[in-house]
Amino acid sequence: MRGEAQERALASLDGLSVGDALGERFFGSRAAERVARRELPPPPWRWTDDTAMACALLEVLMRLGEVREDELARAFALAYAHDPDRGYGPGMRRLLPRLVSGDDWSSAARALYGGEGSLGNGAAMRVGPLGAWFADDLERVVVEATRSAEVTHAHPEGIAGAIAVAVAAALAASTAARGSDLIDRTAALVPEGAVREGLGRARELGAVSSGEAARRLGSGALASAPDTVPFAVWCAAHSLDDYEAALWLTLGGLGDRDTTCAIVGGIVAARVGSEGIPREWLAAREPLPPLPG
């Protein structure tokens, strides 16, 4: 029987995967026009590496109740080996084959990008369900999000992005915080650096258009955590009780659409549950791989 933590995490995974699959359909020259018309793409909506890695992370949580880095590295490697054509970024295309071959995840992750490790948005895009799982203990959220990030993203900003998204999802699931309050409370638990500074700028934006928010914060065009996470948390914070509105708001920022929509979808669904996602959107999303239990 599934407990509350698992149910929250599964709802967040539904929101993440629908956002990922929907966002992936909004690339191309007519994307802005289609967003303005709220033109839904025809099904099926195929999900990307965002969802593949989120499923691997949640599988470890459901099996072990916590992040164990060796087990998570193995789960990521298995997911990649099973289906490497899910849109993995260049860093993961260098790292994950090494994990498939049995290399040590710690040294392999630190070796990326000249020994600095990846500061990409990959650890952030997959972590919403973890925040929902540990929503009753924010200190534990930070610890587990850090562990989940370090397996692939050794750079402090890559880790900070994962912490920010996990904390935002936990707050969405467990408190009435929204708007600038949610951003403030998230930023308070994020280590100092570019992600935290971006959250500070997001807090000051107020109710601007998502296009303006993207212009000021970035919306993932650089595929880095600092360029992605503040915008995504801003979008979630300002539409926290309306999944559909949150996704259209996020799409309005263009940028790395599958990733920003995955992050926002995972945070908002932690609040509204799977029942808050439009039924036709869930039906359009490609089925997820089986999970334990």
C-alpha atoms as a PDB file:
ATOM      1  CA  MET A   1       0.000   0.000   0.000  1.00  0.00           C
ATOM      2  CA  ARG A   2       1.360   3.398  -0.960  1.00  0.00           C
ATOM      3  CA  GLY A   3       1.850   6.013   1.723  1.00  0.00           C
ATOM      4  CA  GLU A   4       1.344   9.759   1.514  1.00  0.00           C
ATOM      5  CA  ALA A   5       4.961  10.447   0.553  1.00  0.00           C
ATOM      6  CA  GLN A   6       4.744   8.076  -2.411  1.00  0.00           C
ATOM      7  CA  GLU A   7       1.408   9.469  -3.530  1.00  0.00           C
ATOM      8  CA  ARG A   8       2.781  13.022  -3.458  1.00  0.00           C
ATOM      9  CA  ALA A   9       5.850  11.948  -5.401  1.00  0.00           C
ATOM     10  CA  LEU A  10       3.822  10.067  -8.008  1.00  0.00           C
ATOM     11  CA  ALA A  11       1.576  13.102  -8.518  1.00  0.00           C
ATOM     12  CA  SER A  12       4.671  15.265  -8.956  1.00  0.00           C
ATOM     13  CA  LEU A  13       6.031  12.760 -11.473  1.00  0.00           C
ATOM     14  CA  ASP A  14       2.771  12.959 -13.422  1.00  0.00           C
ATOM     15  CA  GLY A  15       3.061  16.745 -13.479  1.00  0.00           C
ATOM     16  CA  LEU A  16       6.728  16.638 -14.429  1.00  0.00           C
ATOM     17  CA  SER A  17       6.276  14.130 -17.227  1.00  0.00           C
ATOM     18  CA  VAL A  18       3.234  15.827 -18.743  1.00  0.00           C
ATOM     19  CA  GLY A  19       5.073  19.164 -18.637  1.00  0.00           C
ATOM     20  CA  ASP A  20       8.162  17.607 -20.186  1.00  0.00           C
ATOM     21  CA  ALA A  21       6.196  15.921 -22.971  1.00  0.00           C
ATOM     22  CA  LEU A  22       4.083  19.014 -23.683  1.00  0.00           C
ATOM     23  CA  GLY A  23       7.045  21.389 -23.641  1.00  0.00           C
ATOM     24  CA  GLU A  24       8.943  19.193 -26.080  1.00  0.00           C
ATOM     25  CA  ARG A  25       6.125  19.727 -28.617  1.00  0.00           C
ATOM     26  CA  PHE A  26       6.627  23.513 -28.588  1.00  0.00           C
ATOM     27  CA  PHE A  27       9.903  23.937 -30.415  1.00  0.00           C
ATOM     28  CA  GLY A  28      10.101  25.293 -33.951  1.00  0.00           C
ATOM     29  CA  SER A  29       9.499  28.550 -35.814  1.00  0.00           C
ATOM     30  CA  ARG A  30       5.778  28.784 -34.937  1.00  0.00           C
ATOM     31  CA  ALA A  31       6.163  28.002 -31.253  1.00  0.00           C
ATOM     32  CA  ALA A  32       5.384  31.500 -29.949  1.00  0.00           C
ATOM     33  CA  GLU A  33       2.311  31.745 -32.167  1.00  0.00           C
ATOM     34  CA  ARG A  34       1.056  28.328 -31.026  1.00  0.00           C
ATOM     35  CA  VAL A  35       1.582  29.243 -27.377  1.00  0.00           C
ATOM     36  CA  ALA A  36      -0.335  32.492 -27.836  1.00  0.00           C
ATOM     37  CA  ARG A  37      -3.262  30.513 -29.288  1.00  0.00           C
ATOM     38  CA  ARG A  38      -2.926  27.767 -26.646  1.00  0.00           C
ATOM     39  CA  GLU A  39      -2.826  25.280 -29.487  1.00  0.00           C
ATOM     40  CA  LEU A  40      -2.365  21.806 -28.049  1.00  0.00           C
ATOM     41  CA  PRO A  41      -0.292  19.386 -30.139  1.00  0.00           C
ATOM     42  CA  PRO A  42      -1.821  16.102 -31.292  1.00  0.00           C
ATOM     43  CA  PRO A  43      -1.063  13.053 -29.146  1.00  0.00           C
ATOM     44  CA  PRO A  44       0.920  11.098 -28.301  1.00  0.00           C
ATOM     45  CA  TRP A  45       3.274  13.405 -26.396  1.00  0.00           C
ATOM     46  CA  ARG A  46       6.634  11.659 -26.070  1.00  0.00           C
ATOM     47  CA  TRP A  47       8.640  12.479 -22.958  1.00  0.00           C
ATOM     48  CA  THR A  48      12.380  13.115 -22.838  1.00  0.00           C
ATOM     49  CA  ASP A  49      15.403  12.477 -20.621  1.00  0.00           C
ATOM     50  CA  ASP A  50      13.819  14.754 -17.984  1.00  0.00           C
ATOM     51  CA  THR A  51      11.185  12.101 -17.320  1.00  0.00           C
ATOM     52  CA  ALA A  52      13.500   9.132 -17.837  1.00  0.00           C
ATOM     53  CA  MET A  53      15.825  10.377 -15.092  1.00  0.00           C
ATOM     54  CA  ALA A  54      12.952  11.399 -12.798  1.00  0.00           C
ATOM     55  CA  CYS A  55      11.540   7.872 -13.071  1.00  0.00           C
ATOM     56  CA  ALA A  56      14.950   6.398 -12.227  1.00  0.00           C
ATOM     57  CA  LEU A  57      15.232   8.665  -9.182  1.00  0.00           C
ATOM     58  CA  LEU A  58      11.740   7.824  -7.960  1.00  0.00           C
ATOM     59  CA  GLU A  59      12.369   4.103  -8.489  1.00  0.00           C
ATOM     60  CA  VAL A  60      15.299   4.342  -6.066  1.00  0.00           C
ATOM     61  CA  LEU A  61      13.205   6.256  -3.522  1.00  0.00           C
ATOM     62  CA  MET A  62      10.348   3.751  -3.738  1.00  0.00           C
ATOM     63  CA  ARG A  63      12.723   0.819  -3.337  1.00  0.00           C
ATOM     64  CA  LEU A  64      15.061   2.206  -0.670  1.00  0.00           C
ATOM     65  CA  GLY A  65      13.284   5.177   0.919  1.00  0.00           C
ATOM     66  CA  GLU A  66      16.301   7.430   0.377  1.00  0.00           C
ATOM     67  CA  VAL A  67      18.911   8.396  -2.194  1.00  0.00           C
ATOM     68  CA  ARG A  68      21.882   6.063  -2.274  1.00  0.00           C
ATOM     69  CA  GLU A  69      24.291   7.423  -4.825  1.00  0.00           C
ATOM     70  CA  ASP A  70      25.615   4.090  -6.099  1.00  0.00           C
ATOM     71  CA  GLU A  71      22.093   2.786  -6.620  1.00  0.00           C
ATOM     72  CA  LEU A  72      21.011   6.011  -8.311  1.00  0.00           C
ATOM     73  CA  ALA A  73      24.006   5.949 -10.649  1.00  0.00           C
ATOM     74  CA  ARG A  74      23.077   2.378 -11.566  1.00  0.00           C
ATOM     75  CA  ALA A  75      19.438   3.382 -12.187  1.00  0.00           C
ATOM     76  CA  PHE A  76      20.491   6.287 -14.425  1.00  0.00           C
ATOM     77  CA  ALA A  77      22.840   3.997 -16.346  1.00  0.00           C
ATOM     78  CA  LEU A  78      20.115   1.375 -16.866  1.00  0.00           C
ATOM     79  CA  ALA A  79      17.640   3.991 -18.097  1.00  0.00           C
ATOM     80  CA  TYR A  80      20.192   5.379 -20.532  1.00  0.00           C
ATOM     81  CA  ALA A  81      21.260   1.956 -21.789  1.00  0.00           C
ATOM     82  CA  HIS A  82      17.612   0.995 -22.323  1.00  0.00           C
ATOM     83  CA  ASP A  83      16.795   4.092 -24.380  1.00  0.00           C
ATOM     84  CA  PRO A  84      19.635   6.542 -25.093  1.00  0.00           C
ATOM     85  CA  ASP A  85      17.571   8.524 -27.617  1.00  0.00           C
ATOM     86  CA  ARG A  86      15.551  10.564 -25.137  1.00  0.00           C
ATOM     87  CA  GLY A  87      17.262  13.887 -25.765  1.00  0.00           C
ATOM     88  CA  TYR A  88      20.103  13.632 -23.249  1.00  0.00           C
ATOM     89  CA  GLY A  89      22.375  16.663 -23.267  1.00  0.00           C
ATOM     90  CA  PRO A  90      26.061  16.606 -24.220  1.00  0.00           C
ATOM     91  CA  GLY A  91      27.315  16.278 -20.660  1.00  0.00           C
ATOM     92  CA  MET A  92      25.131  13.268 -19.937  1.00  0.00           C
ATOM     93  CA  ARG A  93      26.086  11.709 -23.267  1.00  0.00           C
ATOM     94  CA  ARG A  94      29.661  11.769 -22.033  1.00  0.00           C
ATOM     95  CA  LEU A  95      28.907  10.704 -18.458  1.00  0.00           C
ATOM     96  CA  LEU A  96      26.186   8.061 -18.685  1.00  0.00           C
ATOM     97  CA  PRO A  97      28.029   5.689 -21.050  1.00  0.00           C
ATOM     98  CA  ARG A  98      30.837   5.683 -18.476  1.00  0.00           C
ATOM     99  CA  LEU A  99      28.339   4.711 -15.779  1.00  0.00           C
ATOM    100  CA  VAL A 100      26.960   1.996 -18.053  1.00  0.00           C
ATOM    101  CA  SER A 101      30.535   0.674 -18.308  1.00  0.00           C
ATOM    102  CA  GLY A 102      30.802   0.579 -14.514  1.00  0.00           C
ATOM    103  CA  ASP A 103      33.016   3.627 -13.949  1.00  0.00           C
ATOM    104  CA  ASP A 104      32.862   5.339 -10.551  1.00  0.00           C
ATOM    105  CA  TRP A 105      30.165   7.997 -10.680  1.00  0.00           C
ATOM    106  CA  SER A 106      31.971  10.394  -8.351  1.00  0.00           C
ATOM    107  CA  SER A 107      35.163  10.736 -10.355  1.00  0.00           C
ATOM    108  CA  ALA A 108      33.285  10.623 -13.668  1.00  0.00           C
ATOM    109  CA  ALA A 109      30.887  13.436 -12.678  1.00  0.00           C
ATOM    110  CA  ARG A 110      33.709  15.615 -11.337  1.00  0.00           C
ATOM    111  CA  ALA A 111      35.701  15.144 -14.534  1.00  0.00           C
ATOM    112  CA  LEU A 112      33.092  16.833 -16.715  1.00  0.00           C
ATOM    113  CA  TYR A 113      33.805  20.298 -18.131  1.00  0.00           C
ATOM    114  CA  GLY A 114      37.479  20.479 -17.342  1.00  0.00           C
ATOM    115  CA  GLY A 115      37.116  19.099 -13.851  1.00  0.00           C
ATOM    116  CA  GLU A 116      34.514  21.625 -12.704  1.00  0.00           C
ATOM    117  CA  GLY A 117      31.535  19.272 -13.050  1.00  0.00           C
ATOM    118  CA  SER A 118      28.268  20.090 -14.767  1.00  0.00           C
ATOM    119  CA  LEU A 119      26.237  23.149 -13.754  1.00  0.00           C
ATOM    120  CA  GLY A 120      23.492  22.179 -16.203  1.00  0.00           C
ATOM    121  CA  ASN A 121      19.796  22.002 -15.397  1.00  0.00           C
ATOM    122  CA  GLY A 122      19.618  18.200 -15.485  1.00  0.00           C
ATOM    123  CA  ALA A 123      19.697  17.646 -11.724  1.00  0.00           C
ATOM    124  CA  ALA A 124      16.951  20.255 -11.285  1.00  0.00           C
ATOM    125  CA  MET A 125      14.653  18.949 -14.016  1.00  0.00           C
ATOM    126  CA  ARG A 126      14.218  15.516 -12.405  1.00  0.00           C
ATOM    127  CA  VAL A 127      14.028  16.331  -8.699  1.00  0.00           C
ATOM    128  CA  GLY A 128      10.472  17.584  -8.105  1.00  0.00           C
ATOM    129  CA  PRO A 129       9.167  14.161  -6.988  1.00  0.00           C
ATOM    130  CA  LEU A 130      11.973  13.936  -4.416  1.00  0.00           C
ATOM    131  CA  GLY A 131      10.885  17.248  -2.902  1.00  0.00           C
ATOM    132  CA  ALA A 132       7.300  16.008  -2.773  1.00  0.00           C
ATOM    133  CA  TRP A 133       8.432  12.743  -1.149  1.00  0.00           C
ATOM    134  CA  PHE A 134      10.296  14.450   1.707  1.00  0.00           C
ATOM    135  CA  ALA A 135       7.912  17.436   1.969  1.00  0.00           C
ATOM    136  CA  ASP A 136       7.470  17.005   5.727  1.00  0.00           C
ATOM    137  CA  ASP A 137      11.175  17.649   6.428  1.00  0.00           C
ATOM    138  CA  LEU A 138      12.844  20.503   4.544  1.00  0.00           C
ATOM    139  CA  GLU A 139      16.289  19.785   5.993  1.00  0.00           C
ATOM    140  CA  ARG A 140      16.012  16.236   4.651  1.00  0.00           C
ATOM    141  CA  VAL A 141      14.924  17.643   1.280  1.00  0.00           C
ATOM    142  CA  VAL A 142      18.191  19.581   1.028  1.00  0.00           C
ATOM    143  CA  VAL A 143      20.304  16.551   1.975  1.00  0.00           C
ATOM    144  CA  GLU A 144      18.555  14.152  -0.394  1.00  0.00           C
ATOM    145  CA  ALA A 145      18.450  16.647  -3.278  1.00  0.00           C
ATOM    146  CA  THR A 146      22.187  17.211  -2.873  1.00  0.00           C
ATOM    147  CA  ARG A 147      22.855  13.485  -3.023  1.00  0.00           C
ATOM    148  CA  SER A 148      20.636  13.094  -6.066  1.00  0.00           C
ATOM    149  CA  ALA A 149      22.463  15.871  -7.909  1.00  0.00           C
ATOM    150  CA  GLU A 150      26.044  14.873  -7.100  1.00  0.00           C
ATOM    151  CA  VAL A 151      25.760  11.643  -9.096  1.00  0.00           C
ATOM    152  CA  THR A 152      25.742  13.618 -12.347  1.00  0.00           C
ATOM    153  CA  HIS A 153      26.197  17.326 -11.514  1.00  0.00           C
ATOM    154  CA  ALA A 154      29.243  17.970  -9.354  1.00  0.00           C
ATOM    155  CA  HIS A 155      29.349  21.749  -9.873  1.00  0.00           C
ATOM    156  CA  PRO A 156      27.927  23.709  -6.894  1.00  0.00           C
ATOM    157  CA  GLU A 157      25.439  25.544  -9.141  1.00  0.00           C
ATOM    158  CA  GLY A 158      24.107  22.278 -10.585  1.00  0.00           C
ATOM    159  CA  ILE A 159      23.561  21.075  -7.020  1.00  0.00           C
ATOM    160  CA  ALA A 160      22.012  24.405  -5.975  1.00  0.00           C
ATOM    161  CA  GLY A 161      19.502  24.153  -8.838  1.00  0.00           C
ATOM    162  CA  ALA A 162      18.392  20.723  -7.641  1.00  0.00           C
ATOM    163  CA  ILE A 163      18.029  21.956  -4.063  1.00  0.00           C
ATOM    164  CA  ALA A 164      15.929  24.921  -5.184  1.00  0.00           C
ATOM    165  CA  VAL A 165      13.479  22.836  -7.208  1.00  0.00           C
ATOM    166  CA  ALA A 166      13.186  20.136  -4.546  1.00  0.00           C
ATOM    167  CA  VAL A 167      12.523  22.714  -1.817  1.00  0.00           C
ATOM    168  CA  ALA A 168       9.946  24.515  -3.979  1.00  0.00           C
ATOM    169  CA  ALA A 169       8.142  21.217  -4.607  1.00  0.00           C
ATOM    170  CA  ALA A 170       8.222  20.375  -0.908  1.00  0.00           C
ATOM    171  CA  LEU A 171       6.805  23.772   0.012  1.00  0.00           C
ATOM    172  CA  ALA A 172       4.139  23.436  -2.665  1.00  0.00           C
ATOM    173  CA  ALA A 173       3.091  20.079  -1.252  1.00  0.00           C
ATOM    174  CA  SER A 174       3.140  20.933   2.437  1.00  0.00           C
ATOM    175  CA  THR A 175       2.365  24.649   2.952  1.00  0.00           C
ATOM    176  CA  ALA A 176       0.160  27.444   1.706  1.00  0.00           C
ATOM    177  CA  ALA A 177       3.205  29.408   0.485  1.00  0.00           C
ATOM    178  CA  ARG A 178       2.916  30.936  -2.965  1.00  0.00           C
ATOM    179  CA  GLY A 179       4.140  33.934  -4.933  1.00  0.00           C
ATOM    180  CA  SER A 180       7.068  35.822  -3.473  1.00  0.00           C
ATOM    181  CA  ASP A 181       6.731  33.928  -0.176  1.00  0.00           C
ATOM    182  CA  LEU A 182       7.435  30.598  -1.870  1.00  0.00           C
ATOM    183  CA  ILE A 183      10.400  32.104  -3.705  1.00  0.00           C
ATOM    184  CA  ASP A 184      11.785  33.619  -0.503  1.00  0.00           C
ATOM    185  CA  ARG A 185      11.425  30.400   1.466  1.00  0.00           C
ATOM    186  CA  THR A 186      13.034  28.422  -1.326  1.00  0.00           C
ATOM    187  CA  ALA A 187      15.965  30.812  -1.661  1.00  0.00           C
ATOM    188  CA  ALA A 188      16.606  30.680   2.087  1.00  0.00           C
ATOM    189  CA  LEU A 189      17.650  27.021   1.794  1.00  0.00           C
ATOM    190  CA  VAL A 190      19.725  27.358  -1.386  1.00  0.00           C
ATOM    191  CA  PRO A 191      23.505  27.842  -1.032  1.00  0.00           C
ATOM    192  CA  GLU A 192      24.906  31.234  -1.975  1.00  0.00           C
ATOM    193  CA  GLY A 193      25.723  31.616  -5.638  1.00  0.00           C
ATOM    194  CA  ALA A 194      24.170  32.347  -9.015  1.00  0.00           C
ATOM    195  CA  VAL A 195      21.021  30.235  -8.531  1.00  0.00           C
ATOM    196  CA  ARG A 196      20.221  31.942  -5.250  1.00  0.00           C
ATOM    197  CA  GLU A 197      20.921  35.364  -6.761  1.00  0.00           C
ATOM    198  CA  GLY A 198      18.569  34.528  -9.623  1.00  0.00           C
ATOM    199  CA  LEU A 199      15.856  33.608  -7.153  1.00  0.00           C
ATOM    200  CA  GLY A 200      16.344  37.013  -5.539  1.00  0.00           C
ATOM    201  CA  ARG A 201      15.776  38.681  -8.893  1.00  0.00           C
ATOM    202  CA  ALA A 202      12.722  36.481  -9.457  1.00  0.00           C
ATOM    203  CA  ARG A 203      11.278  37.567  -6.120  1.00  0.00           C
ATOM    204  CA  GLU A 204      11.480  41.211  -7.194  1.00  0.00           C
ATOM    205  CA  LEU A 205       9.750  40.688 -10.545  1.00  0.00           C
ATOM    206  CA  GLY A 206       6.190  40.583  -9.324  1.00  0.00           C
ATOM    207  CA  ALA A 207       3.423  40.010 -11.869  1.00  0.00           C
ATOM    208  CA  VAL A 208       5.159  40.598 -15.208  1.00  0.00           C
ATOM    209  CA  SER A 209       4.619  38.558 -18.365  1.00  0.00           C
ATOM    210  CA  SER A 210       6.518  35.300 -18.659  1.00  0.00           C
ATOM    211  CA  GLY A 211       8.286  36.717 -21.693  1.00  0.00           C
ATOM    212  CA  GLU A 212       9.587  39.584 -19.577  1.00  0.00           C
ATOM    213  CA  ALA A 213      10.522  37.198 -16.778  1.00  0.00           C
ATOM    214  CA  ALA A 214      12.456  35.071 -19.270  1.00  0.00           C
ATOM    215  CA  ARG A 215      14.241  38.150 -20.598  1.00  0.00           C
ATOM    216  CA  ARG A 216      15.376  39.142 -17.104  1.00  0.00           C
ATOM    217  CA  LEU A 217      16.079  35.707 -15.642  1.00  0.00           C
ATOM    218  CA  GLY A 218      16.775  33.458 -18.613  1.00  0.00           C
ATOM    219  CA  SER A 219      14.564  30.490 -19.442  1.00  0.00           C
ATOM    220  CA  GLY A 220      17.044  27.738 -20.111  1.00  0.00           C
ATOM    221  CA  ALA A 221      18.579  28.784 -23.409  1.00  0.00           C
ATOM    222  CA  LEU A 222      22.013  28.252 -21.818  1.00  0.00           C
ATOM    223  CA  ALA A 223      20.870  24.908 -20.338  1.00  0.00           C
ATOM    224  CA  SER A 224      22.428  25.874 -17.000  1.00  0.00           C
ATOM    225  CA  ALA A 225      20.833  25.793 -13.565  1.00  0.00           C
ATOM    226  CA  PRO A 226      21.267  29.562 -12.990  1.00  0.00           C
ATOM    227  CA  ASP A 227      19.681  30.271 -16.388  1.00  0.00           C
ATOM    228  CA  THR A 228      16.724  27.908 -15.824  1.00  0.00           C
ATOM    229  CA  VAL A 229      15.737  27.405 -12.201  1.00  0.00           C
ATOM    230  CA  PRO A 230      14.861  30.987 -11.110  1.00  0.00           C
ATOM    231  CA  PHE A 231      12.471  31.392 -14.061  1.00  0.00           C
ATOM    232  CA  ALA A 232      10.842  28.014 -13.442  1.00  0.00           C
ATOM    233  CA  VAL A 233      10.356  28.677  -9.721  1.00  0.00           C
ATOM    234  CA  TRP A 234       8.878  32.097 -10.562  1.00  0.00           C
ATOM    235  CA  CYS A 235       6.389  30.501 -12.975  1.00  0.00           C
ATOM    236  CA  ALA A 236       5.370  27.866 -10.445  1.00  0.00           C
ATOM    237  CA  ALA A 237       5.066  30.359  -7.600  1.00  0.00           C
ATOM    238  CA  HIS A 238       2.692  32.581  -9.572  1.00  0.00           C
ATOM    239  CA  SER A 239       0.341  29.787 -10.764  1.00  0.00           C
ATOM    240  CA  LEU A 240       0.682  27.303  -7.954  1.00  0.00           C
ATOM    241  CA  ASP A 241      -2.974  26.259  -7.777  1.00  0.00           C
ATOM    242  CA  ASP A 242      -3.610  25.938 -11.520  1.00  0.00           C
ATOM    243  CA  TYR A 243      -1.548  23.369 -13.403  1.00  0.00           C
ATOM    244  CA  GLU A 244      -2.833  24.314 -16.853  1.00  0.00           C
ATOM    245  CA  ALA A 245      -2.217  28.041 -16.322  1.00  0.00           C
ATOM    246  CA  ALA A 246       1.248  27.319 -14.925  1.00  0.00           C
ATOM    247  CA  LEU A 247       2.283  25.360 -18.017  1.00  0.00           C
ATOM    248  CA  TRP A 248       1.020  27.992 -20.467  1.00  0.00           C
ATOM    249  CA  LEU A 249       2.783  30.684 -18.415  1.00  0.00           C
ATOM    250  CA  THR A 250       6.007  28.684 -18.609  1.00  0.00           C
ATOM    251  CA  LEU A 251       5.692  28.042 -22.334  1.00  0.00           C
ATOM    252  CA  GLY A 252       5.371  31.792 -22.849  1.00  0.00           C
ATOM    253  CA  GLY A 253       9.011  32.138 -21.819  1.00  0.00           C
ATOM    254  CA  LEU A 254      10.133  29.826 -24.647  1.00  0.00           C
ATOM    255  CA  GLY A 255      13.759  28.799 -23.934  1.00  0.00           C
ATOM    256  CA  ASP A 256      14.373  25.172 -22.874  1.00  0.00           C
ATOM    257  CA  ARG A 257      10.675  24.363 -22.952  1.00  0.00           C
ATOM    258  CA  ASP A 258      10.664  20.689 -22.038  1.00  0.00           C
ATOM    259  CA  THR A 259      12.896  21.307 -19.017  1.00  0.00           C
ATOM    260  CA  THR A 260      11.203  24.443 -17.690  1.00  0.00           C
ATOM    261  CA  CYS A 261       7.787  22.809 -18.103  1.00  0.00           C
ATOM    262  CA  ALA A 262       9.039  19.625 -16.400  1.00  0.00           C
ATOM    263  CA  ILE A 263      10.281  21.632 -13.419  1.00  0.00           C
ATOM    264  CA  VAL A 264       7.115  23.715 -13.149  1.00  0.00           C
ATOM    265  CA  GLY A 265       4.857  20.714 -13.706  1.00  0.00           C
ATOM    266  CA  GLY A 266       6.575  18.750 -10.957  1.00  0.00           C
ATOM    267  CA  ILE A 267       6.288  21.609  -8.458  1.00  0.00           C
ATOM    268  CA  VAL A 268       2.663  22.487  -9.187  1.00  0.00           C
ATOM    269  CA  ALA A 269       1.452  18.883  -9.292  1.00  0.00           C
ATOM    270  CA  ALA A 270       2.963  18.393  -5.835  1.00  0.00           C
ATOM    271  CA  ARG A 271       0.316  20.922  -4.741  1.00  0.00           C
ATOM    272  CA  VAL A 272      -2.696  20.071  -6.919  1.00  0.00           C
ATOM    273  CA  GLY A 273      -2.181  16.319  -7.310  1.00  0.00           C
ATOM    274  CA  SER A 274      -2.637  14.247 -10.442  1.00  0.00           C
ATOM    275  CA  GLU A 275      -6.310  15.174 -10.417  1.00  0.00           C
ATOM    276  CA  GLY A 276      -5.313  18.798 -10.993  1.00  0.00           C
ATOM    277  CA  ILE A 277      -3.735  17.927 -14.346  1.00  0.00           C
ATOM    278  CA  PRO A 278      -6.157  18.093 -17.305  1.00  0.00           C
ATOM    279  CA  ARG A 279      -7.328  14.562 -17.984  1.00  0.00           C
ATOM    280  CA  GLU A 280      -6.758  14.857 -21.718  1.00  0.00           C
ATOM    281  CA  TRP A 281      -3.158  15.970 -21.098  1.00  0.00           C
ATOM    282  CA  LEU A 282      -2.464  12.888 -18.987  1.00  0.00           C
ATOM    283  CA  ALA A 283      -4.034  10.704 -21.664  1.00  0.00           C
ATOM    284  CA  ALA A 284      -1.890  12.333 -24.374  1.00  0.00           C
ATOM    285  CA  ARG A 285       1.374  11.748 -22.501  1.00  0.00           C
ATOM    286  CA  GLU A 286       3.275   8.632 -23.500  1.00  0.00           C
ATOM    287  CA  PRO A 287       2.876   5.964 -20.762  1.00  0.00           C
ATOM    288  CA  LEU A 288       5.537   5.939 -18.059  1.00  0.00           C
ATOM    289  CA  PRO A 289       7.774   2.945 -17.355  1.00  0.00           C
ATOM    290  CA  PRO A 290       6.600   0.697 -14.511  1.00  0.00           C
ATOM    291  CA  LEU A 291       7.658   1.604 -10.973  1.00  0.00           C
ATOM    292  CA  PRO A 292       7.855  -0.580  -7.831  1.00  0.00           C
ATOM    293  CA  GLY A 293       4.655  -1.161  -5.877  1.00  0.00           C
END
